[in-house]
Amino acid sequence: MTSTPKSGRGLDEQAVLLVAGLADLAVSTIGSAAGTMQQLLRRSDGPELARDAQRDLMARGRIALDRIASAPPAHLEVLAQHAVARQAASASDV
């Protein structure tokens, strides 16, 4: 006796439905993207739009690289600087 899930469908049928759903989603997404590209190509300000997109992407890339490249200061170094500042402040109070 084979066991079927509570939904009444076998695993094979569920897999087929899942693949069919994913395929339908992919087709509709590609169709939507193609329609958007056609609309963009018909615009008279296409070159300016492309330049703006390039600038935006370059700015975004610069921000991402800056975020990755700049390491936070070393924790012990920050503590040492605070200790030196406190010592200097207490020495000047005397």
N, C-alpha and C. Protein backbone atom coordinates (compact mmCIF):
# COMPACT_ATOMS: atom_id res chain seq x y z
N MET A 1 0.84 -1.17 0.00
CA MET A 1 0.00 0.00 0.00
C MET A 1 0.89 1.24 0.00
N THR A 2 0.65 2.14 -0.93
CA THR A 2 1.45 3.35 -1.02
C THR A 2 0.79 4.44 -0.19
N SER A 3 1.63 5.25 0.41
CA SER A 3 1.08 6.35 1.21
C SER A 3 1.00 7.60 0.35
N THR A 4 -0.08 8.30 0.49
CA THR A 4 -0.25 9.55 -0.25
C THR A 4 -0.34 10.67 0.77
N PRO A 5 0.16 11.85 0.43
CA PRO A 5 0.06 12.98 1.34
C PRO A 5 -1.39 13.34 1.61
N LYS A 6 -1.62 14.15 2.62
CA LYS A 6 -2.98 14.54 3.01
C LYS A 6 -3.71 15.25 1.88
N SER A 7 -2.97 15.90 0.97
CA SER A 7 -3.63 16.60 -0.12
C SER A 7 -4.20 15.64 -1.16
N GLY A 8 -3.88 14.36 -1.06
CA GLY A 8 -4.42 13.38 -1.98
C GLY A 8 -3.58 13.22 -3.24
N ARG A 9 -2.48 13.88 -3.36
CA ARG A 9 -1.62 13.81 -4.55
C ARG A 9 -0.35 13.07 -4.19
N GLY A 10 0.15 12.30 -5.15
CA GLY A 10 1.40 11.59 -4.96
C GLY A 10 2.58 12.54 -5.12
N LEU A 11 3.74 12.07 -4.72
CA LEU A 11 4.94 12.89 -4.82
C LEU A 11 5.29 13.21 -6.27
N ASP A 12 5.06 12.26 -7.17
CA ASP A 12 5.33 12.50 -8.58
C ASP A 12 4.47 13.63 -9.12
N GLU A 13 3.20 13.60 -8.77
CA GLU A 13 2.30 14.64 -9.26
C GLU A 13 2.66 16.00 -8.66
N GLN A 14 3.05 16.02 -7.39
CA GLN A 14 3.47 17.27 -6.77
C GLN A 14 4.72 17.83 -7.46
N ALA A 15 5.66 16.96 -7.80
CA ALA A 15 6.88 17.40 -8.48
C ALA A 15 6.55 17.98 -9.85
N VAL A 16 5.66 17.32 -10.57
CA VAL A 16 5.27 17.82 -11.90
C VAL A 16 4.59 19.17 -11.78
N LEU A 17 3.71 19.32 -10.80
CA LEU A 17 3.03 20.60 -10.61
C LEU A 17 4.01 21.71 -10.22
N LEU A 18 4.98 21.37 -9.39
CA LEU A 18 5.98 22.34 -8.99
C LEU A 18 6.82 22.80 -10.18
N VAL A 19 7.27 21.86 -10.99
CA VAL A 19 8.06 22.20 -12.17
C VAL A 19 7.23 23.02 -13.16
N ALA A 20 5.97 22.65 -13.35
CA ALA A 20 5.10 23.39 -14.26
C ALA A 20 4.89 24.81 -13.75
N GLY A 21 4.72 24.98 -12.44
CA GLY A 21 4.55 26.31 -11.87
C GLY A 21 5.79 27.16 -12.05
N LEU A 22 6.97 26.57 -11.83
CA LEU A 22 8.22 27.30 -12.02
C LEU A 22 8.42 27.69 -13.48
N ALA A 23 8.08 26.80 -14.39
CA ALA A 23 8.21 27.09 -15.82
C ALA A 23 7.27 28.23 -16.21
N ASP A 24 6.05 28.21 -15.71
CA ASP A 24 5.10 29.28 -16.01
C ASP A 24 5.59 30.61 -15.47
N LEU A 25 6.14 30.59 -14.26
CA LEU A 25 6.69 31.82 -13.68
C LEU A 25 7.85 32.36 -14.52
N ALA A 26 8.73 31.47 -14.98
CA ALA A 26 9.87 31.88 -15.80
C ALA A 26 9.39 32.49 -17.12
N VAL A 27 8.42 31.86 -17.75
CA VAL A 27 7.91 32.36 -19.03
C VAL A 27 7.26 33.73 -18.86
N SER A 28 6.46 33.88 -17.81
CA SER A 28 5.81 35.18 -17.61
C SER A 28 6.82 36.27 -17.26
N THR A 29 7.86 35.92 -16.50
CA THR A 29 8.89 36.90 -16.16
C THR A 29 9.67 37.32 -17.40
N ILE A 30 10.02 36.36 -18.23
CA ILE A 30 10.75 36.67 -19.46
C ILE A 30 9.88 37.51 -20.38
N GLY A 31 8.61 37.18 -20.48
CA GLY A 31 7.70 37.96 -21.32
C GLY A 31 7.56 39.39 -20.82
N SER A 32 7.48 39.55 -19.53
CA SER A 32 7.38 40.89 -18.94
C SER A 32 8.66 41.68 -19.18
N ALA A 33 9.81 41.03 -19.01
CA ALA A 33 11.09 41.71 -19.25
C ALA A 33 11.23 42.10 -20.72
N ALA A 34 10.79 41.24 -21.62
CA ALA A 34 10.88 41.55 -23.06
C ALA A 34 9.99 42.74 -23.40
N GLY A 35 8.81 42.79 -22.82
CA GLY A 35 7.92 43.93 -23.05
C GLY A 35 8.52 45.22 -22.53
N THR A 36 9.14 45.16 -21.38
CA THR A 36 9.78 46.34 -20.81
C THR A 36 10.93 46.80 -21.69
N MET A 37 11.72 45.86 -22.20
CA MET A 37 12.83 46.22 -23.08
C MET A 37 12.32 46.87 -24.36
N GLN A 38 11.23 46.36 -24.92
CA GLN A 38 10.67 46.96 -26.13
C GLN A 38 10.22 48.39 -25.86
N GLN A 39 9.61 48.62 -24.71
CA GLN A 39 9.18 49.97 -24.37
C GLN A 39 10.38 50.90 -24.21
N LEU A 40 11.44 50.41 -23.60
CA LEU A 40 12.63 51.23 -23.42
C LEU A 40 13.30 51.56 -24.74
N LEU A 41 13.31 50.60 -25.66
CA LEU A 41 13.95 50.84 -26.95
C LEU A 41 13.16 51.83 -27.80
N ARG A 42 11.86 51.93 -27.58
CA ARG A 42 11.03 52.86 -28.34
C ARG A 42 11.15 54.30 -27.85
N ARG A 43 11.66 54.49 -26.68
CA ARG A 43 11.75 55.84 -26.11
C ARG A 43 12.76 56.68 -26.87
N SER A 44 12.46 57.96 -26.98
CA SER A 44 13.37 58.85 -27.69
C SER A 44 14.56 59.26 -26.83
N ASP A 45 14.41 59.14 -25.51
CA ASP A 45 15.50 59.52 -24.62
C ASP A 45 16.31 58.29 -24.19
N GLY A 46 16.38 57.29 -25.06
CA GLY A 46 17.09 56.05 -24.75
C GLY A 46 18.55 56.25 -24.39
N PRO A 47 19.31 57.03 -25.19
CA PRO A 47 20.73 57.22 -24.84
C PRO A 47 20.93 57.90 -23.48
N GLU A 48 20.09 58.89 -23.17
CA GLU A 48 20.21 59.55 -21.85
C GLU A 48 19.84 58.58 -20.74
N LEU A 49 18.83 57.77 -20.99
CA LEU A 49 18.41 56.78 -20.00
C LEU A 49 19.53 55.77 -19.75
N ALA A 50 20.20 55.35 -20.81
CA ALA A 50 21.31 54.41 -20.67
C ALA A 50 22.47 55.04 -19.90
N ARG A 51 22.76 56.32 -20.18
CA ARG A 51 23.84 57.01 -19.44
C ARG A 51 23.49 57.14 -17.98
N ASP A 52 22.23 57.48 -17.68
CA ASP A 52 21.81 57.60 -16.29
C ASP A 52 21.92 56.25 -15.57
N ALA A 53 21.52 55.20 -16.27
CA ALA A 53 21.61 53.86 -15.67
C ALA A 53 23.07 53.49 -15.41
N GLN A 54 23.95 53.85 -16.35
CA GLN A 54 25.37 53.55 -16.17
C GLN A 54 25.93 54.32 -14.98
N ARG A 55 25.58 55.60 -14.87
CA ARG A 55 26.05 56.40 -13.73
C ARG A 55 25.54 55.83 -12.41
N ASP A 56 24.26 55.44 -12.40
CA ASP A 56 23.69 54.86 -11.18
C ASP A 56 24.41 53.58 -10.79
N LEU A 57 24.66 52.72 -11.77
CA LEU A 57 25.35 51.47 -11.48
C LEU A 57 26.78 51.71 -11.01
N MET A 58 27.46 52.68 -11.60
CA MET A 58 28.82 52.98 -11.18
C MET A 58 28.84 53.54 -9.76
N ALA A 59 27.89 54.40 -9.43
CA ALA A 59 27.81 54.95 -8.08
C ALA A 59 27.51 53.84 -7.08
N ARG A 60 26.63 52.96 -7.46
CA ARG A 60 26.28 51.83 -6.59
C ARG A 60 27.49 50.92 -6.38
N GLY A 61 28.25 50.68 -7.45
CA GLY A 61 29.46 49.87 -7.33
C GLY A 61 30.50 50.53 -6.45
N ARG A 62 30.64 51.86 -6.59
CA ARG A 62 31.59 52.60 -5.76
C ARG A 62 31.22 52.48 -4.28
N ILE A 63 29.94 52.62 -3.98
CA ILE A 63 29.47 52.50 -2.60
C ILE A 63 29.73 51.10 -2.07
N ALA A 64 29.45 50.09 -2.88
CA ALA A 64 29.67 48.71 -2.44
C ALA A 64 31.15 48.44 -2.19
N LEU A 65 32.02 48.93 -3.07
CA LEU A 65 33.46 48.73 -2.87
C LEU A 65 33.96 49.49 -1.65
N ASP A 66 33.46 50.70 -1.44
CA ASP A 66 33.86 51.45 -0.26
C ASP A 66 33.43 50.74 1.02
N ARG A 67 32.25 50.15 0.99
CA ARG A 67 31.75 49.44 2.15
C ARG A 67 32.62 48.22 2.46
N ILE A 68 33.06 47.54 1.42
CA ILE A 68 33.87 46.34 1.60
C ILE A 68 35.31 46.69 1.95
N ALA A 69 35.85 47.72 1.28
CA ALA A 69 37.27 48.05 1.42
C ALA A 69 37.60 48.68 2.76
N SER A 70 36.71 49.46 3.31
CA SER A 70 37.03 50.15 4.56
C SER A 70 36.73 49.24 5.74
N ALA A 71 37.79 48.78 6.35
CA ALA A 71 37.64 47.92 7.52
C ALA A 71 37.42 48.80 8.75
N PRO A 72 36.63 48.36 9.67
CA PRO A 72 36.43 49.14 10.88
C PRO A 72 37.73 49.19 11.68
N PRO A 73 37.91 50.24 12.48
CA PRO A 73 39.14 50.33 13.26
C PRO A 73 39.25 49.17 14.24
N ALA A 74 40.48 48.82 14.55
CA ALA A 74 40.72 47.72 15.48
C ALA A 74 40.18 48.09 16.86
N HIS A 75 39.50 47.17 17.49
CA HIS A 75 38.84 47.42 18.77
C HIS A 75 39.86 47.81 19.85
N LEU A 76 40.95 47.08 19.93
CA LEU A 76 41.95 47.39 20.95
C LEU A 76 42.61 48.74 20.69
N GLU A 77 42.78 49.10 19.44
CA GLU A 77 43.35 50.41 19.11
C GLU A 77 42.42 51.53 19.58
N VAL A 78 41.14 51.36 19.39
CA VAL A 78 40.17 52.37 19.83
C VAL A 78 40.20 52.48 21.35
N LEU A 79 40.25 51.34 22.05
CA LEU A 79 40.33 51.37 23.51
C LEU A 79 41.60 52.06 23.99
N ALA A 80 42.73 51.80 23.32
CA ALA A 80 43.99 52.44 23.70
C ALA A 80 43.90 53.95 23.49
N GLN A 81 43.29 54.39 22.41
CA GLN A 81 43.15 55.83 22.16
C GLN A 81 42.28 56.49 23.23
N HIS A 82 41.22 55.80 23.65
CA HIS A 82 40.37 56.33 24.72
C HIS A 82 41.14 56.43 26.03
N ALA A 83 41.95 55.41 26.33
CA ALA A 83 42.74 55.42 27.57
C ALA A 83 43.74 56.57 27.55
N VAL A 84 44.39 56.78 26.42
CA VAL A 84 45.36 57.89 26.31
C VAL A 84 44.64 59.23 26.47
N ALA A 85 43.48 59.36 25.88
CA ALA A 85 42.72 60.61 26.00
C ALA A 85 42.30 60.85 27.44
N ARG A 86 41.87 59.79 28.14
CA ARG A 86 41.48 59.92 29.55
C ARG A 86 42.67 60.32 30.42
N GLN A 87 43.82 59.70 30.16
CA GLN A 87 45.02 60.03 30.91
C GLN A 87 45.42 61.48 30.68
N ALA A 88 45.34 61.91 29.45
CA ALA A 88 45.69 63.30 29.12
C ALA A 88 44.72 64.26 29.80
N ALA A 89 43.44 63.91 29.82
CA ALA A 89 42.42 64.77 30.45
C ALA A 89 42.63 64.83 31.95
N SER A 90 42.92 63.69 32.59
CA SER A 90 43.13 63.69 34.04
C SER A 90 44.44 64.36 34.40
N ALA A 91 45.45 64.32 33.57
CA ALA A 91 46.73 65.00 33.84
C ALA A 91 46.56 66.50 33.73
N SER A 92 45.71 66.96 32.83
CA SER A 92 45.51 68.39 32.68
C SER A 92 44.63 68.95 33.78
N ASP A 93 43.83 68.12 34.44
CA ASP A 93 42.97 68.54 35.54
C ASP A 93 43.79 68.79 36.80
N VAL A 94 44.93 68.17 36.92
CA VAL A 94 45.72 68.26 38.14
C VAL A 94 46.50 69.52 38.20
